[in-house]
Each structure stands twice: as structure tokens, then as C-alpha cells.
Amino acid sequence: FETYPVRIYGYQRKWDQLYHGIGIMQTNTKKDSVNGVLSRIVTGSIGDFDARECPYGYVRVEVPLERCRVLTEYMHDKSASLPKPGDVIYTYLLPRVAEKLSEHDKEKLVSKEVVNMDF
């Protein structure tokens, strides 16, 4: 995998006592953010991630590219191909957090196959 350190805006970490796990929740507030790692995957392999995350109740959602900032200052390979318009970025939310999404955001819950993940 090629990986990129990132900060995603409009989300915050949350401890969910019901599921005894940590996850993220969407806040839609620019001041809220989480750090993480963005991994480039090959087309069709998103199902492998779903197989790992979904049995534990996590729900895959699309993250708008404009909410994601690659932290290039922490990258070892400065020549890496960065995400660009048209690329698709996903994260997984805890199920109770996903239930609180707005109707507009619920429409973005992903149940389709990824067509192109090449950066």
C-alpha cells in the first residue's frame, strides 16, 4: 500500500460504550478533525476492508476530498502521487454514529462497488 498521513475535517473521535470501541463521528464542524492514514488500494479490494470492518458494526461512508488534507510535511516520499479530484476516499463510522447522519449524508452511505481507486 501507498500511505499518506492525513487530517480529515468535520469528524471527531468517539468512544462508544455500547460497542466497546473507538471510532469517528461526523460533526460537519470545520474546527473538528481527526488524524489518520490514507491508503491507496486497488480497484475491487474495498470488499476486503468491508469484510474486516462491517462484521463489527462499522459503516463505510464516503469522505469528500475537500475535507481531507494530506500532511505532506510528514511524508517520507515527497514525490508520491497525492489524491486528486475524482478519487474516492472512505472511512468507517460506528453504527450508532452512522444512525445520526443527516438524510443527505445517509444517501452517501456506500453500498456500491468502487469503480476506480487509482490516484
PDB file of N, CA and C in Angstrom:
ATOM      1  N   PHE A   1       0.828  -1.192   0.000  1.00  0.00           N
ATOM      2  CA  PHE A   1       0.000   0.000   0.000  1.00  0.00           C
ATOM      3  C   PHE A   1       0.871   1.255   0.000  1.00  0.00           C
ATOM      4  N   GLU A   2       0.435   2.248  -0.750  1.00  0.00           N
ATOM      5  CA  GLU A   2       0.986   3.585  -0.565  1.00  0.00           C
ATOM      6  C   GLU A   2       0.136   4.233   0.507  1.00  0.00           C
ATOM      7  N   THR A   3       0.770   4.895   1.451  1.00  0.00           N
ATOM      8  CA  THR A   3       0.025   5.513   2.543  1.00  0.00           C
ATOM      9  C   THR A   3       0.394   6.987   2.666  1.00  0.00           C
ATOM     10  N   TYR A   4      -0.554   7.749   3.188  1.00  0.00           N
ATOM     11  CA  TYR A   4      -0.377   9.184   3.348  1.00  0.00           C
ATOM     12  C   TYR A   4      -0.900   9.586   4.725  1.00  0.00           C
ATOM     13  N   PRO A   5      -0.128  10.363   5.486  1.00  0.00           N
ATOM     14  CA  PRO A   5      -0.682  10.899   6.727  1.00  0.00           C
ATOM     15  C   PRO A   5      -1.693  11.986   6.363  1.00  0.00           C
ATOM     16  N   VAL A   6      -2.850  11.963   6.995  1.00  0.00           N
ATOM     17  CA  VAL A   6      -3.907  12.917   6.647  1.00  0.00           C
ATOM     18  C   VAL A   6      -4.583  13.493   7.888  1.00  0.00           C
ATOM     19  N   ARG A   7      -5.248  14.596   7.685  1.00  0.00           N
ATOM     20  CA  ARG A   7      -6.164  15.171   8.662  1.00  0.00           C
ATOM     21  C   ARG A   7      -7.477  15.317   7.929  1.00  0.00           C
ATOM     22  N   ILE A   8      -8.555  14.809   8.536  1.00  0.00           N
ATOM     23  CA  ILE A   8      -9.884  14.875   7.934  1.00  0.00           C
ATOM     24  C   ILE A   8     -10.728  15.802   8.798  1.00  0.00           C
ATOM     25  N   TYR A   9     -11.285  16.820   8.177  1.00  0.00           N
ATOM     26  CA  TYR A   9     -12.060  17.847   8.876  1.00  0.00           C
ATOM     27  C   TYR A   9     -13.547  17.517   8.861  1.00  0.00           C
ATOM     28  N   GLY A  10     -14.223  17.905   9.965  1.00  0.00           N
ATOM     29  CA  GLY A  10     -15.651  17.649  10.095  1.00  0.00           C
ATOM     30  C   GLY A  10     -15.948  16.324  10.776  1.00  0.00           C
ATOM     31  N   TYR A  11     -14.938  15.759  11.448  1.00  0.00           N
ATOM     32  CA  TYR A  11     -15.083  14.494  12.169  1.00  0.00           C
ATOM     33  C   TYR A  11     -14.372  14.623  13.506  1.00  0.00           C
ATOM     34  N   GLN A  12     -14.744  13.772  14.464  1.00  0.00           N
ATOM     35  CA  GLN A  12     -14.010  13.675  15.723  1.00  0.00           C
ATOM     36  C   GLN A  12     -14.062  12.234  16.224  1.00  0.00           C
ATOM     37  N   ARG A  13     -13.066  11.873  17.031  1.00  0.00           N
ATOM     38  CA  ARG A  13     -13.033  10.529  17.608  1.00  0.00           C
ATOM     39  C   ARG A  13     -14.092  10.405  18.690  1.00  0.00           C
ATOM     40  N   LYS A  14     -14.586   9.180  18.852  1.00  0.00           N
ATOM     41  CA  LYS A  14     -15.630   8.935  19.846  1.00  0.00           C
ATOM     42  C   LYS A  14     -15.440   7.536  20.409  1.00  0.00           C
ATOM     43  N   TRP A  15     -15.575   7.439  21.714  1.00  0.00           N
ATOM     44  CA  TRP A  15     -15.589   6.132  22.369  1.00  0.00           C
ATOM     45  C   TRP A  15     -17.039   5.718  22.486  1.00  0.00           C
ATOM     46  N   ASP A  16     -17.373   4.546  21.983  1.00  0.00           N
ATOM     47  CA  ASP A  16     -18.751   4.065  22.026  1.00  0.00           C
ATOM     48  C   ASP A  16     -18.831   2.937  23.034  1.00  0.00           C
ATOM     49  N   GLN A  17     -19.481   3.192  24.171  1.00  0.00           N
ATOM     50  CA  GLN A  17     -19.548   2.201  25.243  1.00  0.00           C
ATOM     51  C   GLN A  17     -20.389   0.992  24.852  1.00  0.00           C
ATOM     52  N   LEU A  18     -21.402   1.195  24.020  1.00  0.00           N
ATOM     53  CA  LEU A  18     -22.239   0.079  23.612  1.00  0.00           C
ATOM     54  C   LEU A  18     -21.430  -0.950  22.821  1.00  0.00           C
ATOM     55  N   TYR A  19     -20.597  -0.465  21.900  1.00  0.00           N
ATOM     56  CA  TYR A  19     -19.811  -1.368  21.058  1.00  0.00           C
ATOM     57  C   TYR A  19     -18.406  -1.567  21.593  1.00  0.00           C
ATOM     58  N   HIS A  20     -18.081  -0.903  22.692  1.00  0.00           N
ATOM     59  CA  HIS A  20     -16.766  -1.028  23.330  1.00  0.00           C
ATOM     60  C   HIS A  20     -15.651  -0.817  22.325  1.00  0.00           C
ATOM     61  N   GLY A  21     -15.796   0.216  21.558  1.00  0.00           N
ATOM     62  CA  GLY A  21     -14.767   0.510  20.577  1.00  0.00           C
ATOM     63  C   GLY A  21     -14.634   1.996  20.341  1.00  0.00           C
ATOM     64  N   ILE A  22     -13.559   2.338  19.685  1.00  0.00           N
ATOM     65  CA  ILE A  22     -13.345   3.727  19.321  1.00  0.00           C
ATOM     66  C   ILE A  22     -13.633   3.859  17.841  1.00  0.00           C
ATOM     67  N   GLY A  23     -14.166   4.965  17.483  1.00  0.00           N
ATOM     68  CA  GLY A  23     -14.472   5.221  16.086  1.00  0.00           C
ATOM     69  C   GLY A  23     -14.508   6.712  15.871  1.00  0.00           C
ATOM     70  N   ILE A  24     -15.023   7.101  14.737  1.00  0.00           N
ATOM     71  CA  ILE A  24     -15.165   8.519  14.486  1.00  0.00           C
ATOM     72  C   ILE A  24     -16.613   8.835  14.201  1.00  0.00           C
ATOM     73  N   MET A  25     -16.960  10.086  14.473  1.00  0.00           N
ATOM     74  CA  MET A  25     -18.303  10.556  14.180  1.00  0.00           C
ATOM     75  C   MET A  25     -18.192  11.800  13.319  1.00  0.00           C
ATOM     76  N   GLN A  26     -19.176  12.003  12.486  1.00  0.00           N
ATOM     77  CA  GLN A  26     -19.203  13.172  11.637  1.00  0.00           C
ATOM     78  C   GLN A  26     -19.826  14.321  12.402  1.00  0.00           C
ATOM     79  N   THR A  27     -19.167  15.505  12.374  1.00  0.00           N
ATOM     80  CA  THR A  27     -19.679  16.672  13.090  1.00  0.00           C
ATOM     81  C   THR A  27     -20.056  17.804  12.154  1.00  0.00           C
ATOM     82  N   ASN A  28     -19.491  17.798  10.960  1.00  0.00           N
ATOM     83  CA  ASN A  28     -19.698  18.877   9.980  1.00  0.00           C
ATOM     84  C   ASN A  28     -19.230  20.235  10.492  1.00  0.00           C
ATOM     85  N   THR A  29     -18.343  20.237  11.477  1.00  0.00           N
ATOM     86  CA  THR A  29     -17.763  21.462  12.003  1.00  0.00           C
ATOM     87  C   THR A  29     -16.299  21.502  11.591  1.00  0.00           C
ATOM     88  N   LYS A  30     -15.902  22.549  10.882  1.00  0.00           N
ATOM     89  CA  LYS A  30     -14.540  22.624  10.353  1.00  0.00           C
ATOM     90  C   LYS A  30     -13.470  22.562  11.427  1.00  0.00           C
ATOM     91  N   LYS A  31     -13.786  23.024  12.642  1.00  0.00           N
ATOM     92  CA  LYS A  31     -12.767  23.017  13.702  1.00  0.00           C
ATOM     93  C   LYS A  31     -12.488  21.606  14.209  1.00  0.00           C
ATOM     94  N   ASP A  32     -13.426  20.672  14.003  1.00  0.00           N
ATOM     95  CA  ASP A  32     -13.213  19.285  14.423  1.00  0.00           C
ATOM     96  C   ASP A  32     -12.425  18.556  13.352  1.00  0.00           C
ATOM     97  N   SER A  33     -11.461  17.750  13.785  1.00  0.00           N
ATOM     98  CA  SER A  33     -10.695  16.964  12.820  1.00  0.00           C
ATOM     99  C   SER A  33     -10.081  15.751  13.503  1.00  0.00           C
ATOM    100  N   VAL A  34      -9.764  14.772  12.688  1.00  0.00           N
ATOM    101  CA  VAL A  34      -9.060  13.578  13.156  1.00  0.00           C
ATOM    102  C   VAL A  34      -7.866  13.353  12.247  1.00  0.00           C
ATOM    103  N   ASN A  35      -6.819  12.804  12.819  1.00  0.00           N
ATOM    104  CA  ASN A  35      -5.689  12.419  12.010  1.00  0.00           C
ATOM    105  C   ASN A  35      -5.834  10.942  11.666  1.00  0.00           C
ATOM    106  N   GLY A  36      -5.150  10.522  10.630  1.00  0.00           N
ATOM    107  CA  GLY A  36      -5.218   9.125  10.235  1.00  0.00           C
ATOM    108  C   GLY A  36      -4.262   8.839   9.105  1.00  0.00           C
ATOM    109  N   VAL A  37      -4.452   7.684   8.512  1.00  0.00           N
ATOM    110  CA  VAL A  37      -3.621   7.258   7.392  1.00  0.00           C
ATOM    111  C   VAL A  37      -4.534   6.913   6.233  1.00  0.00           C
ATOM    112  N   LEU A  38      -4.261   7.517   5.100  1.00  0.00           N
ATOM    113  CA  LEU A  38      -4.981   7.230   3.872  1.00  0.00           C
ATOM    114  C   LEU A  38      -4.166   6.201   3.098  1.00  0.00           C
ATOM    115  N   SER A  39      -4.794   5.096   2.733  1.00  0.00           N
ATOM    116  CA  SER A  39      -4.100   4.039   1.989  1.00  0.00           C
ATOM    117  C   SER A  39      -4.718   3.899   0.614  1.00  0.00           C
ATOM    118  N   ARG A  40      -3.867   3.887  -0.396  1.00  0.00           N
ATOM    119  CA  ARG A  40      -4.338   3.648  -1.757  1.00  0.00           C
ATOM    120  C   ARG A  40      -4.544   2.149  -1.918  1.00  0.00           C
ATOM    121  N   ILE A  41      -5.701   1.771  -2.437  1.00  0.00           N
ATOM    122  CA  ILE A  41      -5.980   0.353  -2.647  1.00  0.00           C
ATOM    123  C   ILE A  41      -6.340   0.128  -4.106  1.00  0.00           C
ATOM    124  N   VAL A  42      -6.243  -1.109  -4.532  1.00  0.00           N
ATOM    125  CA  VAL A  42      -6.568  -1.432  -5.919  1.00  0.00           C
ATOM    126  C   VAL A  42      -8.075  -1.588  -6.074  1.00  0.00           C
ATOM    127  N   THR A  43      -8.545  -1.279  -7.267  1.00  0.00           N
ATOM    128  CA  THR A  43      -9.963  -1.405  -7.574  1.00  0.00           C
ATOM    129  C   THR A  43     -10.447  -2.806  -7.229  1.00  0.00           C
ATOM    130  N   GLY A  44     -11.581  -2.877  -6.543  1.00  0.00           N
ATOM    131  CA  GLY A  44     -12.179  -4.161  -6.208  1.00  0.00           C
ATOM    132  C   GLY A  44     -11.789  -4.715  -4.845  1.00  0.00           C
ATOM    133  N   SER A  45     -10.767  -4.138  -4.193  1.00  0.00           N
ATOM    134  CA  SER A  45     -10.341  -4.699  -2.910  1.00  0.00           C
ATOM    135  C   SER A  45     -11.065  -4.061  -1.727  1.00  0.00           C
ATOM    136  N   ILE A  46     -11.951  -3.099  -1.964  1.00  0.00           N
ATOM    137  CA  ILE A  46     -12.673  -2.469  -0.857  1.00  0.00           C
ATOM    138  C   ILE A  46     -13.515  -3.509  -0.112  1.00  0.00           C
ATOM    139  N   GLY A  47     -13.946  -4.540  -0.822  1.00  0.00           N
ATOM    140  CA  GLY A  47     -14.712  -5.615  -0.182  1.00  0.00           C
ATOM    141  C   GLY A  47     -13.932  -6.304   0.921  1.00  0.00           C
ATOM    142  N   ASP A  48     -12.618  -6.381   0.774  1.00  0.00           N
ATOM    143  CA  ASP A  48     -11.779  -6.969   1.826  1.00  0.00           C
ATOM    144  C   ASP A  48     -11.830  -6.130   3.100  1.00  0.00           C
ATOM    145  N   PHE A  49     -11.833  -4.806   2.933  1.00  0.00           N
ATOM    146  CA  PHE A  49     -11.935  -3.920   4.089  1.00  0.00           C
ATOM    147  C   PHE A  49     -13.320  -4.021   4.723  1.00  0.00           C
ATOM    148  N   ASP A  50     -14.348  -4.094   3.875  1.00  0.00           N
ATOM    149  CA  ASP A  50     -15.711  -4.260   4.397  1.00  0.00           C
ATOM    150  C   ASP A  50     -15.832  -5.565   5.186  1.00  0.00           C
ATOM    151  N   ALA A  51     -15.211  -6.622   4.676  1.00  0.00           N
ATOM    152  CA  ALA A  51     -15.268  -7.916   5.358  1.00  0.00           C
ATOM    153  C   ALA A  51     -14.608  -7.844   6.735  1.00  0.00           C
ATOM    154  N   ARG A  52     -13.605  -6.997   6.859  1.00  0.00           N
ATOM    155  CA  ARG A  52     -12.923  -6.842   8.141  1.00  0.00           C
ATOM    156  C   ARG A  52     -13.700  -5.933   9.089  1.00  0.00           C
ATOM    157  N   GLU A  53     -14.266  -4.835   8.603  1.00  0.00           N
ATOM    158  CA  GLU A  53     -14.874  -3.815   9.450  1.00  0.00           C
ATOM    159  C   GLU A  53     -16.372  -4.013   9.711  1.00  0.00           C
ATOM    160  N   CYS A  54     -17.120  -4.380   8.689  1.00  0.00           N
ATOM    161  CA  CYS A  54     -18.590  -4.434   8.801  1.00  0.00           C
ATOM    162  C   CYS A  54     -19.107  -5.465   9.804  1.00  0.00           C
ATOM    163  N   PRO A  55     -18.478  -6.637   9.974  1.00  0.00           N
ATOM    164  CA  PRO A  55     -18.984  -7.567  10.987  1.00  0.00           C
ATOM    165  C   PRO A  55     -18.966  -6.994  12.409  1.00  0.00           C
ATOM    166  N   TYR A  56     -18.148  -5.981  12.630  1.00  0.00           N
ATOM    167  CA  TYR A  56     -18.085  -5.336  13.942  1.00  0.00           C
ATOM    168  C   TYR A  56     -19.025  -4.137  14.023  1.00  0.00           C
ATOM    169  N   GLY A  57     -19.832  -3.950  12.993  1.00  0.00           N
ATOM    170  CA  GLY A  57     -20.831  -2.896  13.010  1.00  0.00           C
ATOM    171  C   GLY A  57     -20.416  -1.579  12.399  1.00  0.00           C
ATOM    172  N   TYR A  58     -19.181  -1.481  11.919  1.00  0.00           N
ATOM    173  CA  TYR A  58     -18.760  -0.236  11.291  1.00  0.00           C
ATOM    174  C   TYR A  58     -19.461  -0.065   9.950  1.00  0.00           C
ATOM    175  N   VAL A  59     -19.730   1.189   9.596  1.00  0.00           N
ATOM    176  CA  VAL A  59     -20.440   1.512   8.364  1.00  0.00           C
ATOM    177  C   VAL A  59     -19.521   2.358   7.484  1.00  0.00           C
ATOM    178  N   ARG A  60     -19.326   1.935   6.244  1.00  0.00           N
ATOM    179  CA  ARG A  60     -18.446   2.674   5.326  1.00  0.00           C
ATOM    180  C   ARG A  60     -19.181   3.886   4.758  1.00  0.00           C
ATOM    181  N   VAL A  61     -18.524   5.052   4.796  1.00  0.00           N
ATOM    182  CA  VAL A  61     -19.066   6.279   4.229  1.00  0.00           C
ATOM    183  C   VAL A  61     -17.986   6.970   3.394  1.00  0.00           C
ATOM    184  N   GLU A  62     -18.439   7.723   2.427  1.00  0.00           N
ATOM    185  CA  GLU A  62     -17.520   8.475   1.579  1.00  0.00           C
ATOM    186  C   GLU A  62     -17.158   9.786   2.260  1.00  0.00           C
ATOM    187  N   VAL A  63     -15.884  10.154   2.198  1.00  0.00           N
ATOM    188  CA  VAL A  63     -15.393  11.419   2.744  1.00  0.00           C
ATOM    189  C   VAL A  63     -15.103  12.344   1.568  1.00  0.00           C
ATOM    190  N   PRO A  64     -15.722  13.523   1.528  1.00  0.00           N
ATOM    191  CA  PRO A  64     -15.429  14.450   0.432  1.00  0.00           C
ATOM    192  C   PRO A  64     -13.945  14.812   0.412  1.00  0.00           C
ATOM    193  N   LEU A  65     -13.366  14.827  -0.762  1.00  0.00           N
ATOM    194  CA  LEU A  65     -11.944  15.102  -0.922  1.00  0.00           C
ATOM    195  C   LEU A  65     -11.551  16.438  -0.288  1.00  0.00           C
ATOM    196  N   GLU A  66     -12.451  17.423  -0.357  1.00  0.00           N
ATOM    197  CA  GLU A  66     -12.121  18.739   0.195  1.00  0.00           C
ATOM    198  C   GLU A  66     -12.018  18.731   1.719  1.00  0.00           C
ATOM    199  N   ARG A  67     -12.469  17.668   2.373  1.00  0.00           N
ATOM    200  CA  ARG A  67     -12.334  17.560   3.833  1.00  0.00           C
ATOM    201  C   ARG A  67     -11.043  16.867   4.245  1.00  0.00           C
ATOM    202  N   CYS A  68     -10.275  16.430   3.284  1.00  0.00           N
ATOM    203  CA  CYS A  68      -9.065  15.650   3.556  1.00  0.00           C
ATOM    204  C   CYS A  68      -7.826  16.463   3.174  1.00  0.00           C
ATOM    205  N   ARG A  69      -6.917  16.642   4.128  1.00  0.00           N
ATOM    206  CA  ARG A  69      -5.652  17.324   3.840  1.00  0.00           C
ATOM    207  C   ARG A  69      -4.515  16.344   4.089  1.00  0.00           C
ATOM    208  N   VAL A  70      -3.733  16.102   3.045  1.00  0.00           N
ATOM    209  CA  VAL A  70      -2.560  15.245   3.186  1.00  0.00           C
ATOM    210  C   VAL A  70      -1.482  16.050   3.895  1.00  0.00           C
ATOM    211  N   LEU A  71      -0.919  15.467   4.937  1.00  0.00           N
ATOM    212  CA  LEU A  71       0.104  16.136   5.735  1.00  0.00           C
ATOM    213  C   LEU A  71       1.470  15.875   5.122  1.00  0.00           C
ATOM    214  N   THR A  72       1.738  16.557   4.010  1.00  0.00           N
ATOM    215  CA  THR A  72       2.954  16.303   3.246  1.00  0.00           C
ATOM    216  C   THR A  72       4.217  16.535   4.063  1.00  0.00           C
ATOM    217  N   GLU A  73       4.132  17.392   5.084  1.00  0.00           N
ATOM    218  CA  GLU A  73       5.312  17.657   5.905  1.00  0.00           C
ATOM    219  C   GLU A  73       5.773  16.421   6.676  1.00  0.00           C
ATOM    220  N   TYR A  74       4.907  15.413   6.793  1.00  0.00           N
ATOM    221  CA  TYR A  74       5.269  14.178   7.495  1.00  0.00           C
ATOM    222  C   TYR A  74       5.533  13.016   6.545  1.00  0.00           C
ATOM    223  N   MET A  75       5.526  13.280   5.246  1.00  0.00           N
ATOM    224  CA  MET A  75       5.729  12.209   4.263  1.00  0.00           C
ATOM    225  C   MET A  75       7.212  11.998   4.005  1.00  0.00           C
ATOM    226  N   HIS A  76       7.603  10.722   3.939  1.00  0.00           N
ATOM    227  CA  HIS A  76       8.993  10.397   3.614  1.00  0.00           C
ATOM    228  C   HIS A  76       9.228  10.557   2.124  1.00  0.00           C
ATOM    229  N   ASP A  77       8.263  10.112   1.307  1.00  0.00           N
ATOM    230  CA  ASP A  77       8.387  10.188  -0.143  1.00  0.00           C
ATOM    231  C   ASP A  77       7.590  11.385  -0.640  1.00  0.00           C
ATOM    232  N   LYS A  78       8.262  12.494  -0.811  1.00  0.00           N
ATOM    233  CA  LYS A  78       7.595  13.741  -1.225  1.00  0.00           C
ATOM    234  C   LYS A  78       7.131  13.687  -2.679  1.00  0.00           C
ATOM    235  N   SER A  79       7.572  12.690  -3.439  1.00  0.00           N
ATOM    236  CA  SER A  79       7.184  12.595  -4.848  1.00  0.00           C
ATOM    237  C   SER A  79       5.952  11.706  -5.050  1.00  0.00           C
ATOM    238  N   ALA A  80       5.366  11.215  -3.972  1.00  0.00           N
ATOM    239  CA  ALA A  80       4.211  10.320  -4.078  1.00  0.00           C
ATOM    240  C   ALA A  80       3.047  11.028  -4.780  1.00  0.00           C
ATOM    241  N   SER A  81       2.266  10.256  -5.491  1.00  0.00           N
ATOM    242  CA  SER A  81       1.094  10.779  -6.186  1.00  0.00           C
ATOM    243  C   SER A  81      -0.024  11.018  -5.174  1.00  0.00           C
ATOM    244  N   LEU A  82      -0.400  12.267  -4.990  1.00  0.00           N
ATOM    245  CA  LEU A  82      -1.396  12.625  -3.984  1.00  0.00           C
ATOM    246  C   LEU A  82      -2.812  12.471  -4.536  1.00  0.00           C
ATOM    247  N   PRO A  83      -3.806  12.330  -3.651  1.00  0.00           N
ATOM    248  CA  PRO A  83      -5.194  12.259  -4.109  1.00  0.00           C
ATOM    249  C   PRO A  83      -5.553  13.496  -4.925  1.00  0.00           C
ATOM    250  N   LYS A  84      -6.389  13.282  -5.941  1.00  0.00           N
ATOM    251  CA  LYS A  84      -6.797  14.372  -6.821  1.00  0.00           C
ATOM    252  C   LYS A  84      -8.296  14.291  -7.061  1.00  0.00           C
ATOM    253  N   PRO A  85      -8.891  15.350  -7.607  1.00  0.00           N
ATOM    254  CA  PRO A  85     -10.335  15.320  -7.885  1.00  0.00           C
ATOM    255  C   PRO A  85     -10.727  14.060  -8.668  1.00  0.00           C
ATOM    256  N   GLY A  86     -11.810  13.464  -8.247  1.00  0.00           N
ATOM    257  CA  GLY A  86     -12.273  12.222  -8.866  1.00  0.00           C
ATOM    258  C   GLY A  86     -11.901  10.987  -8.064  1.00  0.00           C
ATOM    259  N   ASP A  87     -10.904  11.109  -7.189  1.00  0.00           N
ATOM    260  CA  ASP A  87     -10.544   9.994  -6.320  1.00  0.00           C
ATOM    261  C   ASP A  87     -11.617   9.837  -5.245  1.00  0.00           C
ATOM    262  N   VAL A  88     -11.773   8.631  -4.750  1.00  0.00           N
ATOM    263  CA  VAL A  88     -12.794   8.338  -3.745  1.00  0.00           C
ATOM    264  C   VAL A  88     -12.105   7.976  -2.432  1.00  0.00           C
ATOM    265  N   ILE A  89     -12.540   8.613  -1.350  1.00  0.00           N
ATOM    266  CA  ILE A  89     -11.981   8.353  -0.028  1.00  0.00           C
ATOM    267  C   ILE A  89     -13.112   7.867   0.870  1.00  0.00           C
ATOM    268  N   TYR A  90     -12.846   6.800   1.617  1.00  0.00           N
ATOM    269  CA  TYR A  90     -13.831   6.240   2.533  1.00  0.00           C
ATOM    270  C   TYR A  90     -13.279   6.197   3.943  1.00  0.00           C
ATOM    271  N   THR A  91     -14.184   6.199   4.905  1.00  0.00           N
ATOM    272  CA  THR A  91     -13.847   5.894   6.286  1.00  0.00           C
ATOM    273  C   THR A  91     -14.983   5.043   6.846  1.00  0.00           C
ATOM    274  N   TYR A  92     -14.781   4.516   8.020  1.00  0.00           N
ATOM    275  CA  TYR A  92     -15.806   3.696   8.671  1.00  0.00           C
ATOM    276  C   TYR A  92     -16.259   4.384   9.948  1.00  0.00           C
ATOM    277  N   LEU A  93     -17.574   4.493  10.125  1.00  0.00           N
ATOM    278  CA  LEU A  93     -18.163   5.075  11.327  1.00  0.00           C
ATOM    279  C   LEU A  93     -18.766   3.970  12.182  1.00  0.00           C
ATOM    280  N   LEU A  94     -18.791   4.199  13.493  1.00  0.00           N
ATOM    281  CA  LEU A  94     -19.510   3.275  14.371  1.00  0.00           C
ATOM    282  C   LEU A  94     -20.989   3.316  14.026  1.00  0.00           C
ATOM    283  N   PRO A  95     -21.727   2.209  14.182  1.00  0.00           N
ATOM    284  CA  PRO A  95     -23.130   2.161  13.753  1.00  0.00           C
ATOM    285  C   PRO A  95     -24.030   3.184  14.417  1.00  0.00           C
ATOM    286  N   ARG A  96     -23.893   3.392  15.722  1.00  0.00           N
ATOM    287  CA  ARG A  96     -24.747   4.384  16.395  1.00  0.00           C
ATOM    288  C   ARG A  96     -24.435   5.778  15.897  1.00  0.00           C
ATOM    289  N   VAL A  97     -23.173   6.020  15.535  1.00  0.00           N
ATOM    290  CA  VAL A  97     -22.787   7.310  14.977  1.00  0.00           C
ATOM    291  C   VAL A  97     -23.403   7.460  13.594  1.00  0.00           C
ATOM    292  N   ALA A  98     -23.381   6.395  12.812  1.00  0.00           N
ATOM    293  CA  ALA A  98     -23.935   6.444  11.464  1.00  0.00           C
ATOM    294  C   ALA A  98     -25.433   6.715  11.493  1.00  0.00           C
ATOM    295  N   GLU A  99     -26.132   6.231  12.537  1.00  0.00           N
ATOM    296  CA  GLU A  99     -27.573   6.467  12.646  1.00  0.00           C
ATOM    297  C   GLU A  99     -27.900   7.944  12.784  1.00  0.00           C
ATOM    298  N   LYS A 100     -26.948   8.742  13.259  1.00  0.00           N
ATOM    299  CA  LYS A 100     -27.192  10.159  13.492  1.00  0.00           C
ATOM    300  C   LYS A 100     -26.893  11.023  12.268  1.00  0.00           C
ATOM    301  N   LEU A 101     -26.500  10.408  11.151  1.00  0.00           N
ATOM    302  CA  LEU A 101     -26.204  11.177   9.952  1.00  0.00           C
ATOM    303  C   LEU A 101     -27.452  11.876   9.438  1.00  0.00           C
ATOM    304  N   SER A 102     -27.260  13.002   8.779  1.00  0.00           N
ATOM    305  CA  SER A 102     -28.374  13.689   8.153  1.00  0.00           C
ATOM    306  C   SER A 102     -28.900  12.832   6.999  1.00  0.00           C
ATOM    307  N   GLU A 103     -30.104  13.125   6.533  1.00  0.00           N
ATOM    308  CA  GLU A 103     -30.671  12.375   5.406  1.00  0.00           C
ATOM    309  C   GLU A 103     -29.774  12.489   4.181  1.00  0.00           C
ATOM    310  N   HIS A 104     -29.219  13.687   3.944  1.00  0.00           N
ATOM    311  CA  HIS A 104     -28.314  13.875   2.802  1.00  0.00           C
ATOM    312  C   HIS A 104     -27.109  12.957   2.916  1.00  0.00           C
ATOM    313  N   ASP A 105     -26.532  12.875   4.131  1.00  0.00           N
ATOM    314  CA  ASP A 105     -25.362  12.033   4.325  1.00  0.00           C
ATOM    315  C   ASP A 105     -25.712  10.553   4.281  1.00  0.00           C
ATOM    316  N   LYS A 106     -26.912  10.179   4.707  1.00  0.00           N
ATOM    317  CA  LYS A 106     -27.313   8.778   4.636  1.00  0.00           C
ATOM    318  C   LYS A 106     -27.338   8.291   3.200  1.00  0.00           C
ATOM    319  N   GLU A 107     -27.675   9.196   2.276  1.00  0.00           N
ATOM    320  CA  GLU A 107     -27.675   8.830   0.864  1.00  0.00           C
ATOM    321  C   GLU A 107     -26.281   8.508   0.378  1.00  0.00           C
ATOM    322  N   LYS A 108     -25.268   9.009   1.087  1.00  0.00           N
ATOM    323  CA  LYS A 108     -23.891   8.758   0.692  1.00  0.00           C
ATOM    324  C   LYS A 108     -23.327   7.469   1.284  1.00  0.00           C
ATOM    325  N   LEU A 109     -24.108   6.797   2.139  1.00  0.00           N
ATOM    326  CA  LEU A 109     -23.638   5.512   2.646  1.00  0.00           C
ATOM    327  C   LEU A 109     -23.369   4.624   1.443  1.00  0.00           C
ATOM    328  N   VAL A 110     -22.247   4.004   1.437  1.00  0.00           N
ATOM    329  CA  VAL A 110     -21.812   3.314   0.235  1.00  0.00           C
ATOM    330  C   VAL A 110     -22.237   1.856   0.278  1.00  0.00           C
ATOM    331  N   SER A 111     -22.946   1.458  -0.754  1.00  0.00           N
ATOM    332  CA  SER A 111     -23.304   0.055  -0.898  1.00  0.00           C
ATOM    333  C   SER A 111     -22.941  -0.404  -2.299  1.00  0.00           C
ATOM    334  N   LYS A 112     -22.193   0.424  -3.026  1.00  0.00           N
ATOM    335  CA  LYS A 112     -21.813   0.085  -4.386  1.00  0.00           C
ATOM    336  C   LYS A 112     -20.354  -0.316  -4.437  1.00  0.00           C
ATOM    337  N   GLU A 113     -19.974  -0.954  -5.493  1.00  0.00           N
ATOM    338  CA  GLU A 113     -18.583  -1.361  -5.711  1.00  0.00           C
ATOM    339  C   GLU A 113     -17.774  -0.147  -6.141  1.00  0.00           C
ATOM    340  N   VAL A 114     -16.530  -0.060  -5.747  1.00  0.00           N
ATOM    341  CA  VAL A 114     -15.663   1.031  -6.166  1.00  0.00           C
ATOM    342  C   VAL A 114     -15.306   0.827  -7.630  1.00  0.00           C
ATOM    343  N   VAL A 115     -15.464   1.870  -8.414  1.00  0.00           N
ATOM    344  CA  VAL A 115     -15.172   1.771  -9.845  1.00  0.00           C
ATOM    345  C   VAL A 115     -13.694   2.064 -10.106  1.00  0.00           C
ATOM    346  N   ASN A 116     -13.158   3.115  -9.470  1.00  0.00           N
ATOM    347  CA  ASN A 116     -11.781   3.479  -9.744  1.00  0.00           C
ATOM    348  C   ASN A 116     -11.152   4.079  -8.492  1.00  0.00           C
ATOM    349  N   MET A 117     -10.154   3.422  -7.981  1.00  0.00           N
ATOM    350  CA  MET A 117      -9.455   3.929  -6.812  1.00  0.00           C
ATOM    351  C   MET A 117      -8.040   4.356  -7.164  1.00  0.00           C
ATOM    352  N   ASP A 118      -7.694   4.354  -8.437  1.00  0.00           N
ATOM    353  CA  ASP A 118      -6.343   4.731  -8.827  1.00  0.00           C
ATOM    354  C   ASP A 118      -6.154   6.223  -8.643  1.00  0.00           C
ATOM    355  N   PHE A 119      -5.065   6.614  -8.009  1.00  0.00           N
ATOM    356  CA  PHE A 119      -4.775   8.048  -7.817  1.00  0.00           C
ATOM    357  C   PHE A 119      -3.945   8.528  -8.975  1.00  0.00           C
TER     358      PHE A 119
END
